[in-house]
Amino acid sequence: MLFLRIIAFILGLLAVAMGLLWVGQGTGVVLWPADSFMLADRAWAFRGALLAAVGLIVIWLTRRGNGRS
């Protein structure tokens, strides 16, 4: 079970990082890559915030069970 917890934690971290990148691109703060269809599109900012929130929930769930194995 420890292996699955570690994998879930890593996936949660990746989801948070990707979500924050999408928020940055969707709000126009991160203009990389220059030809991206996601730049300054509020829909991608919303999707990024949702993905980051899901990632945080996954991280919280994996850390919550640390006392039990």
PDB file of N, CA and C in Angstrom:
ATOM      1  N   MET A   1       0.814  -1.202   0.000  1.00  0.00           N
ATOM      2  CA  MET A   1       0.000   0.000   0.000  1.00  0.00           C
ATOM      3  C   MET A   1       0.853   1.261   0.000  1.00  0.00           C
ATOM      4  N   LEU A   2       2.046   1.163   0.553  1.00  0.00           N
ATOM      5  CA  LEU A   2       2.925   2.325   0.572  1.00  0.00           C
ATOM      6  C   LEU A   2       3.277   2.757  -0.845  1.00  0.00           C
ATOM      7  N   PHE A   3       3.504   1.784  -1.728  1.00  0.00           N
ATOM      8  CA  PHE A   3       3.831   2.090  -3.119  1.00  0.00           C
ATOM      9  C   PHE A   3       2.702   2.876  -3.784  1.00  0.00           C
ATOM     10  N   LEU A   4       1.455   2.449  -3.573  1.00  0.00           N
ATOM     11  CA  LEU A   4       0.309   3.152  -4.154  1.00  0.00           C
ATOM     12  C   LEU A   4       0.165   4.555  -3.579  1.00  0.00           C
ATOM     13  N   ARG A   5       0.445   4.700  -2.299  1.00  0.00           N
ATOM     14  CA  ARG A   5       0.368   6.014  -1.670  1.00  0.00           C
ATOM     15  C   ARG A   5       1.405   6.963  -2.267  1.00  0.00           C
ATOM     16  N   ILE A   6       2.605   6.454  -2.511  1.00  0.00           N
ATOM     17  CA  ILE A   6       3.660   7.279  -3.108  1.00  0.00           C
ATOM     18  C   ILE A   6       3.285   7.676  -4.532  1.00  0.00           C
ATOM     19  N   ILE A   7       2.767   6.732  -5.307  1.00  0.00           N
ATOM     20  CA  ILE A   7       2.351   7.024  -6.683  1.00  0.00           C
ATOM     21  C   ILE A   7       1.232   8.065  -6.685  1.00  0.00           C
ATOM     22  N   ALA A   8       0.251   7.917  -5.801  1.00  0.00           N
ATOM     23  CA  ALA A   8      -0.846   8.879  -5.724  1.00  0.00           C
ATOM     24  C   ALA A   8      -0.334  10.255  -5.321  1.00  0.00           C
ATOM     25  N   PHE A   9       0.622  10.306  -4.407  1.00  0.00           N
ATOM     26  CA  PHE A   9       1.194  11.584  -3.979  1.00  0.00           C
ATOM     27  C   PHE A   9       1.899  12.271  -5.148  1.00  0.00           C
ATOM     28  N   ILE A  10       2.676  11.517  -5.910  1.00  0.00           N
ATOM     29  CA  ILE A  10       3.385  12.083  -7.060  1.00  0.00           C
ATOM     30  C   ILE A  10       2.391  12.572  -8.112  1.00  0.00           C
ATOM     31  N   LEU A  11       1.353  11.793  -8.373  1.00  0.00           N
ATOM     32  CA  LEU A  11       0.327  12.227  -9.327  1.00  0.00           C
ATOM     33  C   LEU A  11      -0.387  13.485  -8.838  1.00  0.00           C
ATOM     34  N   GLY A  12      -0.620  13.583  -7.541  1.00  0.00           N
ATOM     35  CA  GLY A  12      -1.221  14.790  -6.982  1.00  0.00           C
ATOM     36  C   GLY A  12      -0.334  16.003  -7.170  1.00  0.00           C
ATOM     37  N   LEU A  13       0.968  15.830  -6.940  1.00  0.00           N
ATOM     38  CA  LEU A  13       1.909  16.932  -7.158  1.00  0.00           C
ATOM     39  C   LEU A  13       1.929  17.369  -8.617  1.00  0.00           C
ATOM     40  N   LEU A  14       1.939  16.402  -9.523  1.00  0.00           N
ATOM     41  CA  LEU A  14       1.922  16.733 -10.948  1.00  0.00           C
ATOM     42  C   LEU A  14       0.631  17.447 -11.342  1.00  0.00           C
ATOM     43  N   ALA A  15      -0.491  17.027 -10.770  1.00  0.00           N
ATOM     44  CA  ALA A  15      -1.767  17.674 -11.066  1.00  0.00           C
ATOM     45  C   ALA A  15      -1.770  19.115 -10.577  1.00  0.00           C
ATOM     46  N   VAL A  16      -1.215  19.363  -9.402  1.00  0.00           N
ATOM     47  CA  VAL A  16      -1.140  20.734  -8.887  1.00  0.00           C
ATOM     48  C   VAL A  16      -0.251  21.585  -9.783  1.00  0.00           C
ATOM     49  N   ALA A  17       0.908  21.055 -10.160  1.00  0.00           N
ATOM     50  CA  ALA A  17       1.830  21.815 -11.011  1.00  0.00           C
ATOM     51  C   ALA A  17       1.205  22.113 -12.368  1.00  0.00           C
ATOM     52  N   MET A  18       0.577  21.121 -12.975  1.00  0.00           N
ATOM     53  CA  MET A  18      -0.047  21.329 -14.277  1.00  0.00           C
ATOM     54  C   MET A  18      -1.226  22.290 -14.165  1.00  0.00           C
ATOM     55  N   GLY A  19      -2.002  22.151 -13.106  1.00  0.00           N
ATOM     56  CA  GLY A  19      -3.134  23.048 -12.900  1.00  0.00           C
ATOM     57  C   GLY A  19      -2.697  24.491 -12.740  1.00  0.00           C
ATOM     58  N   LEU A  20      -1.626  24.717 -11.984  1.00  0.00           N
ATOM     59  CA  LEU A  20      -1.131  26.086 -11.820  1.00  0.00           C
ATOM     60  C   LEU A  20      -0.596  26.644 -13.134  1.00  0.00           C
ATOM     61  N   LEU A  21       0.031  25.793 -13.945  1.00  0.00           N
ATOM     62  CA  LEU A  21       0.486  26.236 -15.266  1.00  0.00           C
ATOM     63  C   LEU A  21      -0.703  26.628 -16.130  1.00  0.00           C
ATOM     64  N   TRP A  22      -1.753  25.826 -16.112  1.00  0.00           N
ATOM     65  CA  TRP A  22      -2.950  26.144 -16.891  1.00  0.00           C
ATOM     66  C   TRP A  22      -3.597  27.433 -16.411  1.00  0.00           C
ATOM     67  N   VAL A  23      -3.623  27.650 -15.100  1.00  0.00           N
ATOM     68  CA  VAL A  23      -4.172  28.905 -14.571  1.00  0.00           C
ATOM     69  C   VAL A  23      -3.343  30.081 -15.071  1.00  0.00           C
ATOM     70  N   GLY A  24      -2.029  29.939 -15.010  1.00  0.00           N
ATOM     71  CA  GLY A  24      -1.155  31.005 -15.491  1.00  0.00           C
ATOM     72  C   GLY A  24      -1.342  31.289 -16.967  1.00  0.00           C
ATOM     73  N   GLN A  25      -1.474  30.251 -17.764  1.00  0.00           N
ATOM     74  CA  GLN A  25      -1.685  30.451 -19.192  1.00  0.00           C
ATOM     75  C   GLN A  25      -3.074  31.014 -19.466  1.00  0.00           C
ATOM     76  N   GLY A  26      -4.067  30.521 -18.774  1.00  0.00           N
ATOM     77  CA  GLY A  26      -5.436  30.979 -18.998  1.00  0.00           C
ATOM     78  C   GLY A  26      -5.658  32.423 -18.605  1.00  0.00           C
ATOM     79  N   THR A  27      -4.946  32.886 -17.589  1.00  0.00           N
ATOM     80  CA  THR A  27      -5.085  34.279 -17.170  1.00  0.00           C
ATOM     81  C   THR A  27      -4.146  35.205 -17.925  1.00  0.00           C
ATOM     82  N   GLY A  28      -3.245  34.651 -18.706  1.00  0.00           N
ATOM     83  CA  GLY A  28      -2.317  35.469 -19.476  1.00  0.00           C
ATOM     84  C   GLY A  28      -1.063  35.851 -18.718  1.00  0.00           C
ATOM     85  N   VAL A  29      -0.846  35.282 -17.546  1.00  0.00           N
ATOM     86  CA  VAL A  29       0.355  35.570 -16.763  1.00  0.00           C
ATOM     87  C   VAL A  29       1.554  34.832 -17.355  1.00  0.00           C
ATOM     88  N   VAL A  30       1.338  33.579 -17.743  1.00  0.00           N
ATOM     89  CA  VAL A  30       2.392  32.774 -18.357  1.00  0.00           C
ATOM     90  C   VAL A  30       2.110  32.723 -19.856  1.00  0.00           C
ATOM     91  N   LEU A  31       2.956  33.357 -20.640  1.00  0.00           N
ATOM     92  CA  LEU A  31       2.755  33.396 -22.091  1.00  0.00           C
ATOM     93  C   LEU A  31       3.716  32.430 -22.781  1.00  0.00           C
ATOM     94  N   TRP A  32       3.697  31.195 -22.327  1.00  0.00           N
ATOM     95  CA  TRP A  32       4.575  30.177 -22.878  1.00  0.00           C
ATOM     96  C   TRP A  32       3.785  28.912 -23.118  1.00  0.00           C
ATOM     97  N   PRO A  33       3.931  28.277 -24.232  1.00  0.00           N
ATOM     98  CA  PRO A  33       4.609  28.708 -25.450  1.00  0.00           C
ATOM     99  C   PRO A  33       3.816  29.799 -26.158  1.00  0.00           C
ATOM    100  N   ALA A  34       4.492  30.576 -26.943  1.00  0.00           N
ATOM    101  CA  ALA A  34       3.890  31.771 -27.538  1.00  0.00           C
ATOM    102  C   ALA A  34       2.716  31.453 -28.463  1.00  0.00           C
ATOM    103  N   ASP A  35       2.695  30.285 -29.076  1.00  0.00           N
ATOM    104  CA  ASP A  35       1.619  29.951 -30.017  1.00  0.00           C
ATOM    105  C   ASP A  35       0.560  29.024 -29.406  1.00  0.00           C
ATOM    106  N   SER A  36       0.485  28.972 -28.087  1.00  0.00           N
ATOM    107  CA  SER A  36      -0.464  28.088 -27.419  1.00  0.00           C
ATOM    108  C   SER A  36      -1.893  28.607 -27.560  1.00  0.00           C
ATOM    109  N   PHE A  37      -2.825  27.704 -27.769  1.00  0.00           N
ATOM    110  CA  PHE A  37      -4.239  28.063 -27.864  1.00  0.00           C
ATOM    111  C   PHE A  37      -4.842  28.360 -26.497  1.00  0.00           C
ATOM    112  N   MET A  38      -4.119  28.102 -25.426  1.00  0.00           N
ATOM    113  CA  MET A  38      -4.634  28.274 -24.070  1.00  0.00           C
ATOM    114  C   MET A  38      -4.406  29.673 -23.511  1.00  0.00           C
ATOM    115  N   LEU A  39      -3.617  30.482 -24.186  1.00  0.00           N
ATOM    116  CA  LEU A  39      -3.235  31.788 -23.648  1.00  0.00           C
ATOM    117  C   LEU A  39      -4.433  32.726 -23.576  1.00  0.00           C
ATOM    118  N   ALA A  40      -4.582  33.367 -22.425  1.00  0.00           N
ATOM    119  CA  ALA A  40      -5.629  34.360 -22.168  1.00  0.00           C
ATOM    120  C   ALA A  40      -7.025  33.805 -22.436  1.00  0.00           C
ATOM    121  N   ASP A  41      -7.244  32.552 -22.126  1.00  0.00           N
ATOM    122  CA  ASP A  41      -8.552  31.917 -22.268  1.00  0.00           C
ATOM    123  C   ASP A  41      -9.017  31.509 -20.873  1.00  0.00           C
ATOM    124  N   ARG A  42     -10.041  32.198 -20.366  1.00  0.00           N
ATOM    125  CA  ARG A  42     -10.504  31.982 -18.985  1.00  0.00           C
ATOM    126  C   ARG A  42     -10.987  30.554 -18.737  1.00  0.00           C
ATOM    127  N   ALA A  43     -11.440  29.876 -19.774  1.00  0.00           N
ATOM    128  CA  ALA A  43     -11.879  28.487 -19.592  1.00  0.00           C
ATOM    129  C   ALA A  43     -10.714  27.625 -19.105  1.00  0.00           C
ATOM    130  N   TRP A  44      -9.510  27.877 -19.628  1.00  0.00           N
ATOM    131  CA  TRP A  44      -8.345  27.106 -19.198  1.00  0.00           C
ATOM    132  C   TRP A  44      -7.914  27.491 -17.789  1.00  0.00           C
ATOM    133  N   ALA A  45      -8.140  28.727 -17.410  1.00  0.00           N
ATOM    134  CA  ALA A  45      -7.844  29.125 -16.034  1.00  0.00           C
ATOM    135  C   ALA A  45      -8.761  28.372 -15.064  1.00  0.00           C
ATOM    136  N   PHE A  46     -10.027  28.245 -15.424  1.00  0.00           N
ATOM    137  CA  PHE A  46     -10.977  27.514 -14.583  1.00  0.00           C
ATOM    138  C   PHE A  46     -10.612  26.031 -14.514  1.00  0.00           C
ATOM    139  N   ARG A  47     -10.307  25.443 -15.667  1.00  0.00           N
ATOM    140  CA  ARG A  47      -9.924  24.028 -15.693  1.00  0.00           C
ATOM    141  C   ARG A  47      -8.646  23.783 -14.893  1.00  0.00           C
ATOM    142  N   GLY A  48      -7.721  24.715 -14.977  1.00  0.00           N
ATOM    143  CA  GLY A  48      -6.483  24.588 -14.217  1.00  0.00           C
ATOM    144  C   GLY A  48      -6.721  24.659 -12.721  1.00  0.00           C
ATOM    145  N   ALA A  49      -7.592  25.573 -12.311  1.00  0.00           N
ATOM    146  CA  ALA A  49      -7.915  25.680 -10.887  1.00  0.00           C
ATOM    147  C   ALA A  49      -8.587  24.400 -10.395  1.00  0.00           C
ATOM    148  N   LEU A  50      -9.453  23.846 -11.218  1.00  0.00           N
ATOM    149  CA  LEU A  50     -10.120  22.594 -10.859  1.00  0.00           C
ATOM    150  C   LEU A  50      -9.117  21.444 -10.754  1.00  0.00           C
ATOM    151  N   LEU A  51      -8.194  21.356 -11.704  1.00  0.00           N
ATOM    152  CA  LEU A  51      -7.177  20.305 -11.669  1.00  0.00           C
ATOM    153  C   LEU A  51      -6.263  20.464 -10.456  1.00  0.00           C
ATOM    154  N   ALA A  52      -5.871  21.696 -10.143  1.00  0.00           N
ATOM    155  CA  ALA A  52      -5.024  21.933  -8.971  1.00  0.00           C
ATOM    156  C   ALA A  52      -5.763  21.549  -7.690  1.00  0.00           C
ATOM    157  N   ALA A  53      -7.057  21.852  -7.622  1.00  0.00           N
ATOM    158  CA  ALA A  53      -7.842  21.491  -6.441  1.00  0.00           C
ATOM    159  C   ALA A  53      -7.927  19.971  -6.285  1.00  0.00           C
ATOM    160  N   VAL A  54      -8.136  19.268  -7.382  1.00  0.00           N
ATOM    161  CA  VAL A  54      -8.176  17.804  -7.328  1.00  0.00           C
ATOM    162  C   VAL A  54      -6.819  17.261  -6.880  1.00  0.00           C
ATOM    163  N   GLY A  55      -5.747  17.844  -7.392  1.00  0.00           N
ATOM    164  CA  GLY A  55      -4.411  17.427  -6.976  1.00  0.00           C
ATOM    165  C   GLY A  55      -4.179  17.640  -5.496  1.00  0.00           C
ATOM    166  N   LEU A  56      -4.641  18.771  -4.976  1.00  0.00           N
ATOM    167  CA  LEU A  56      -4.497  19.036  -3.541  1.00  0.00           C
ATOM    168  C   LEU A  56      -5.298  18.048  -2.702  1.00  0.00           C
ATOM    169  N   ILE A  57      -6.474  17.687  -3.184  1.00  0.00           N
ATOM    170  CA  ILE A  57      -7.284  16.697  -2.466  1.00  0.00           C
ATOM    171  C   ILE A  57      -6.580  15.344  -2.450  1.00  0.00           C
ATOM    172  N   VAL A  58      -6.003  14.954  -3.579  1.00  0.00           N
ATOM    173  CA  VAL A  58      -5.272  13.681  -3.639  1.00  0.00           C
ATOM    174  C   VAL A  58      -4.085  13.707  -2.678  1.00  0.00           C
ATOM    175  N   ILE A  59      -3.348  14.811  -2.666  1.00  0.00           N
ATOM    176  CA  ILE A  59      -2.214  14.936  -1.740  1.00  0.00           C
ATOM    177  C   ILE A  59      -2.698  14.846  -0.300  1.00  0.00           C
ATOM    178  N   TRP A  60      -3.773  15.545   0.010  1.00  0.00           N
ATOM    179  CA  TRP A  60      -4.315  15.523   1.371  1.00  0.00           C
ATOM    180  C   TRP A  60      -4.738  14.108   1.770  1.00  0.00           C
ATOM    181  N   LEU A  61      -5.372  13.397   0.848  1.00  0.00           N
ATOM    182  CA  LEU A  61      -5.808  12.034   1.160  1.00  0.00           C
ATOM    183  C   LEU A  61      -4.623  11.094   1.371  1.00  0.00           C
ATOM    184  N   THR A  62      -3.556  11.277   0.603  1.00  0.00           N
ATOM    185  CA  THR A  62      -2.395  10.402   0.790  1.00  0.00           C
ATOM    186  C   THR A  62      -1.662  10.726   2.084  1.00  0.00           C
ATOM    187  N   ARG A  63      -1.617  11.975   2.479  1.00  0.00           N
ATOM    188  CA  ARG A  63      -0.930  12.360   3.712  1.00  0.00           C
ATOM    189  C   ARG A  63      -1.773  12.035   4.940  1.00  0.00           C
ATOM    190  N   ARG A  64      -3.074  12.015   4.785  1.00  0.00           N
ATOM    191  CA  ARG A  64      -3.986  11.782   5.898  1.00  0.00           C
ATOM    192  C   ARG A  64      -3.817  10.390   6.489  1.00  0.00           C
ATOM    193  N   GLY A  65      -3.507   9.419   5.664  1.00  0.00           N
ATOM    194  CA  GLY A  65      -3.414   8.047   6.137  1.00  0.00           C
ATOM    195  C   GLY A  65      -2.026   7.642   6.590  1.00  0.00           C
ATOM    196  N   ASN A  66      -1.146   8.590   6.860  1.00  0.00           N
ATOM    197  CA  ASN A  66       0.232   8.258   7.215  1.00  0.00           C
ATOM    198  C   ASN A  66       0.356   7.482   8.518  1.00  0.00           C
ATOM    199  N   GLY A  67      -0.545   7.666   9.461  1.00  0.00           N
ATOM    200  CA  GLY A  67      -0.445   6.979  10.735  1.00  0.00           C
ATOM    201  C   GLY A  67      -0.777   5.496  10.640  1.00  0.00           C
ATOM    202  N   ARG A  68      -1.510   5.118   9.603  1.00  0.00           N
ATOM    203  CA  ARG A  68      -1.934   3.723   9.428  1.00  0.00           C
ATOM    204  C   ARG A  68      -1.235   3.122   8.219  1.00  0.00           C
ATOM    205  N   SER A  69      -0.923   1.864   8.307  1.00  0.00           N
ATOM    206  CA  SER A  69      -0.346   1.171   7.139  1.00  0.00           C
ATOM    207  C   SER A  69      -0.967  -0.190   6.972  1.00  0.00           C
TER     208      SER A  69
END
